[in-house]
C-alpha atoms as a PDB file:
ATOM      1  CA  MET A   1      12.525   1.606   8.162  1.00  0.00           C
ATOM      2  CA  VAL A   2       9.549   3.495   6.735  1.00  0.00           C
ATOM      3  CA  GLN A   3       8.968   3.380   2.978  1.00  0.00           C
ATOM      4  CA  PHE A   4       6.650   6.162   1.779  1.00  0.00           C
ATOM      5  CA  LEU A   5       4.337   5.266  -1.117  1.00  0.00           C
ATOM      6  CA  TYR A   6       2.806   7.659  -3.648  1.00  0.00           C
ATOM      7  CA  ASN A   7       0.319   7.555  -6.510  1.00  0.00           C
ATOM      8  CA  SER A   8       1.324   8.637 -10.031  1.00  0.00           C
ATOM      9  CA  SER A   9       0.558  12.303  -9.351  1.00  0.00           C
ATOM     10  CA  GLY A  10       3.043  12.328  -6.458  1.00  0.00           C
ATOM     11  CA  LYS A  11       0.459  12.412  -3.664  1.00  0.00           C
ATOM     12  CA  TRP A  12       1.469  10.471  -0.561  1.00  0.00           C
ATOM     13  CA  ILE A  13      -1.085   7.668  -0.131  1.00  0.00           C
ATOM     14  CA  ALA A  14       0.445   5.050   2.189  1.00  0.00           C
ATOM     15  CA  PHE A  15       3.577   3.793   3.876  1.00  0.00           C
ATOM     16  CA  LYS A  16       5.204   0.431   4.414  1.00  0.00           C
ATOM     17  CA  LEU A  17       6.741  -0.506   7.735  1.00  0.00           C
ATOM     18  CA  ASP A  18       8.241  -3.969   8.050  1.00  0.00           C
ATOM     19  CA  ASN A  19       5.788  -6.244   6.202  1.00  0.00           C
ATOM     20  CA  TYR A  20       2.730  -4.065   6.853  1.00  0.00           C
ATOM     21  CA  ILE A  21       1.111  -1.287   4.833  1.00  0.00           C
ATOM     22  CA  TYR A  22      -0.655   1.672   6.443  1.00  0.00           C
ATOM     23  CA  SER A  23      -2.772   4.524   5.095  1.00  0.00           C
ATOM     24  CA  SER A  24      -1.440   8.080   5.258  1.00  0.00           C
ATOM     25  CA  LYS A  25      -3.423   8.372   8.515  1.00  0.00           C
ATOM     26  CA  ALA A  26      -1.319   5.543  10.036  1.00  0.00           C
ATOM     27  CA  LYS A  27      -4.165   2.998   9.982  1.00  0.00           C
ATOM     28  CA  TRP A  28      -3.305  -0.589   9.113  1.00  0.00           C
ATOM     29  CA  ILE A  29      -4.693  -1.525   5.668  1.00  0.00           C
ATOM     30  CA  GLY A  30      -2.827  -4.732   4.797  1.00  0.00           C
ATOM     31  CA  TRP A  31       0.430  -6.609   4.599  1.00  0.00           C
ATOM     32  CA  PHE A  32       2.947  -8.196   2.240  1.00  0.00           C
ATOM     33  CA  PRO A  33       2.479 -11.942   2.838  1.00  0.00           C
ATOM     34  CA  TRP A  34       4.847 -13.204   0.127  1.00  0.00           C
ATOM     35  CA  ASN A  35       7.781 -10.926   0.993  1.00  0.00           C
ATOM     36  CA  ASP A  36       7.609  -9.288  -2.413  1.00  0.00           C
ATOM     37  CA  GLU A  37       6.016  -6.128  -3.839  1.00  0.00           C
ATOM     38  CA  HIS A  38       2.407  -7.404  -3.677  1.00  0.00           C
ATOM     39  CA  ALA A  39       0.138  -6.462  -0.770  1.00  0.00           C
ATOM     40  CA  VAL A  40      -3.187  -7.852   0.388  1.00  0.00           C
ATOM     41  CA  ASP A  41      -5.826  -6.095   2.476  1.00  0.00           C
ATOM     42  CA  LYS A  42      -6.825  -7.144   5.994  1.00  0.00           C
ATOM     43  CA  LYS A  43      -9.198  -9.758   4.537  1.00  0.00           C
ATOM     44  CA  GLY A  44      -6.458 -11.352   2.429  1.00  0.00           C
ATOM     45  CA  LYS A  45      -7.582  -9.997  -0.954  1.00  0.00           C
ATOM     46  CA  TYR A  46      -5.102  -8.450  -3.357  1.00  0.00           C
ATOM     47  CA  LEU A  47      -4.702  -4.746  -2.608  1.00  0.00           C
ATOM     48  CA  GLY A  48      -1.854  -3.390  -4.731  1.00  0.00           C
ATOM     49  CA  SER A  49       1.805  -3.555  -5.675  1.00  0.00           C
ATOM     50  CA  ILE A  50       4.882  -1.392  -5.179  1.00  0.00           C
ATOM     51  CA  PHE A  51       6.621  -0.116  -8.318  1.00  0.00           C
ATOM     52  CA  ASP A  52       9.905   1.811  -8.560  1.00  0.00           C
ATOM     53  CA  ASP A  53      10.406   1.593  -4.771  1.00  0.00           C
ATOM     54  CA  ASP A  54       7.926   4.392  -3.984  1.00  0.00           C
ATOM     55  CA  ARG A  55       4.774   3.995  -6.124  1.00  0.00           C
ATOM     56  CA  PHE A  56       1.739   1.969  -5.101  1.00  0.00           C
ATOM     57  CA  TYR A  57      -0.664   0.908  -7.869  1.00  0.00           C
ATOM     58  CA  LYS A  58      -3.268  -1.773  -8.332  1.00  0.00           C
ATOM     59  CA  LEU A  59      -2.593  -4.312 -11.061  1.00  0.00           C
ATOM     60  CA  ASN A  60      -5.683  -4.669 -13.261  1.00  0.00           C
ATOM     61  CA  SER A  61      -4.964  -8.382 -13.530  1.00  0.00           C
ATOM     62  CA  PHE A  62      -3.309 -10.114 -10.587  1.00  0.00           C
ATOM     63  CA  GLN A  63      -2.493 -13.812 -10.672  1.00  0.00           C
ATOM     64  CA  TYR A  64      -3.761 -15.531  -7.519  1.00  0.00           C
ATOM     65  CA  LYS A  65      -0.821 -16.628  -5.362  1.00  0.00           C
ATOM     66  CA  GLY A  66      -2.701 -18.716  -2.825  1.00  0.00           C
ATOM     67  CA  TYR A  67      -4.149 -17.984   0.589  1.00  0.00           C
ATOM     68  CA  PRO A  68      -1.915 -15.432   2.332  1.00  0.00           C
ATOM     69  CA  GLY A  69      -2.826 -16.420   5.888  1.00  0.00           C
ATOM     70  CA  TYR A  70      -3.310 -13.764   8.556  1.00  0.00           C
ATOM     71  CA  PRO A  71      -0.427 -11.983  10.265  1.00  0.00           C
ATOM     72  CA  GLY A  72      -2.269 -10.757  13.339  1.00  0.00           C
ATOM     73  CA  TYR A  73      -2.911  -7.134  14.181  1.00  0.00           C
ATOM     74  CA  PRO A  74       0.358  -5.175  13.987  1.00  0.00           C
ATOM     75  CA  GLY A  75      -0.618  -2.419  16.403  1.00  0.00           C
ATOM     76  CA  TYR A  76      -0.267   1.310  15.928  1.00  0.00           C
ATOM     77  CA  PRO A  77       3.005   2.320  14.246  1.00  0.00           C
ATOM     78  CA  GLY A  78       2.926   5.974  15.209  1.00  0.00           C
ATOM     79  CA  TYR A  79       2.612   8.779  12.709  1.00  0.00           C
ATOM     80  CA  PRO A  80       5.609   8.711  10.347  1.00  0.00           C
ATOM     81  CA  GLY A  81       5.562  12.418   9.508  1.00  0.00           C
ATOM     82  CA  TYR A  82       4.710  14.050   6.217  1.00  0.00           C
ATOM     83  CA  PRO A  83       7.129  13.086   3.432  1.00  0.00           C
ATOM     84  CA  GLY A  84       6.118  15.842   1.044  1.00  0.00           C
ATOM     85  CA  TYR A  85       5.381  15.665  -2.656  1.00  0.00           C
ATOM     86  CA  GLY A  86       6.737  12.651  -4.532  1.00  0.00           C
ATOM     87  CA  GLY A  87       6.736  14.116  -8.038  1.00  0.00           C
ATOM     88  CA  TYR A  88       4.825  12.887 -11.046  1.00  0.00           C
ATOM     89  CA  LYS A  89       5.584   9.463 -12.576  1.00  0.00           C
ATOM     90  CA  SER A  90       3.622   7.790 -15.330  1.00  0.00           C
ATOM     91  CA  ARG A  91       1.858   4.587 -14.367  1.00  0.00           C
ATOM     92  CA  PRO A  92       2.953   1.278 -15.863  1.00  0.00           C
ATOM     93  CA  ASN A  93       0.527  -0.265 -18.354  1.00  0.00           C
ATOM     94  CA  GLY A  94      -2.086  -2.462 -16.725  1.00  0.00           C
ATOM     95  CA  THR A  95      -2.243  -0.536 -13.452  1.00  0.00           C
ATOM     96  CA  THR A  96      -4.726   1.753 -11.732  1.00  0.00           C
ATOM     97  CA  ASP A  97      -3.969   4.648  -9.408  1.00  0.00           C
ATOM     98  CA  PHE A  98      -5.259   4.757  -5.843  1.00  0.00           C
ATOM     99  CA  ASP A  99      -7.399   7.583  -4.572  1.00  0.00           C
ATOM    100  CA  PRO A 100      -5.854   8.465  -1.185  1.00  0.00           C
ATOM    101  CA  GLU A 101      -9.338   8.644   0.366  1.00  0.00           C
ATOM    102  CA  TYR A 102     -10.010   5.021  -0.592  1.00  0.00           C
ATOM    103  CA  LEU A 103      -6.991   3.830   1.397  1.00  0.00           C
ATOM    104  CA  ILE A 104      -7.926   6.043   4.338  1.00  0.00           C
ATOM    105  CA  GLN A 105     -11.446   4.558   4.365  1.00  0.00           C
ATOM    106  CA  LEU A 106     -10.006   1.052   4.082  1.00  0.00           C
ATOM    107  CA  GLY A 107      -8.039   1.701   7.260  1.00  0.00           C
ATOM    108  CA  GLU A 108     -11.208   2.734   9.094  1.00  0.00           C
ATOM    109  CA  GLN A 109     -12.941  -0.596   8.409  1.00  0.00           C
END
């Protein structure tokens, strides 16, 4: 099941499918190695966390959880469609918003 992820301004920035996270252009950008809300990028570095089931922010201070391993390339998920505007939500303290272009560029690397 696809889980659409937005920044605080309601702009669609990514989506989660299974344990993988993709940019809005359907490019693989990371995964959820600990089966929780925290994602790492393709190199295993902390990327961001899901809040309120549909918001994706970067924690300004993330406690290291150990080496996440490498899941292998997940393949192309197909384009999930455009989910529309997510509505504004204020960010939790200690988080930073993602610029959608940053995640798109991350998927191109």
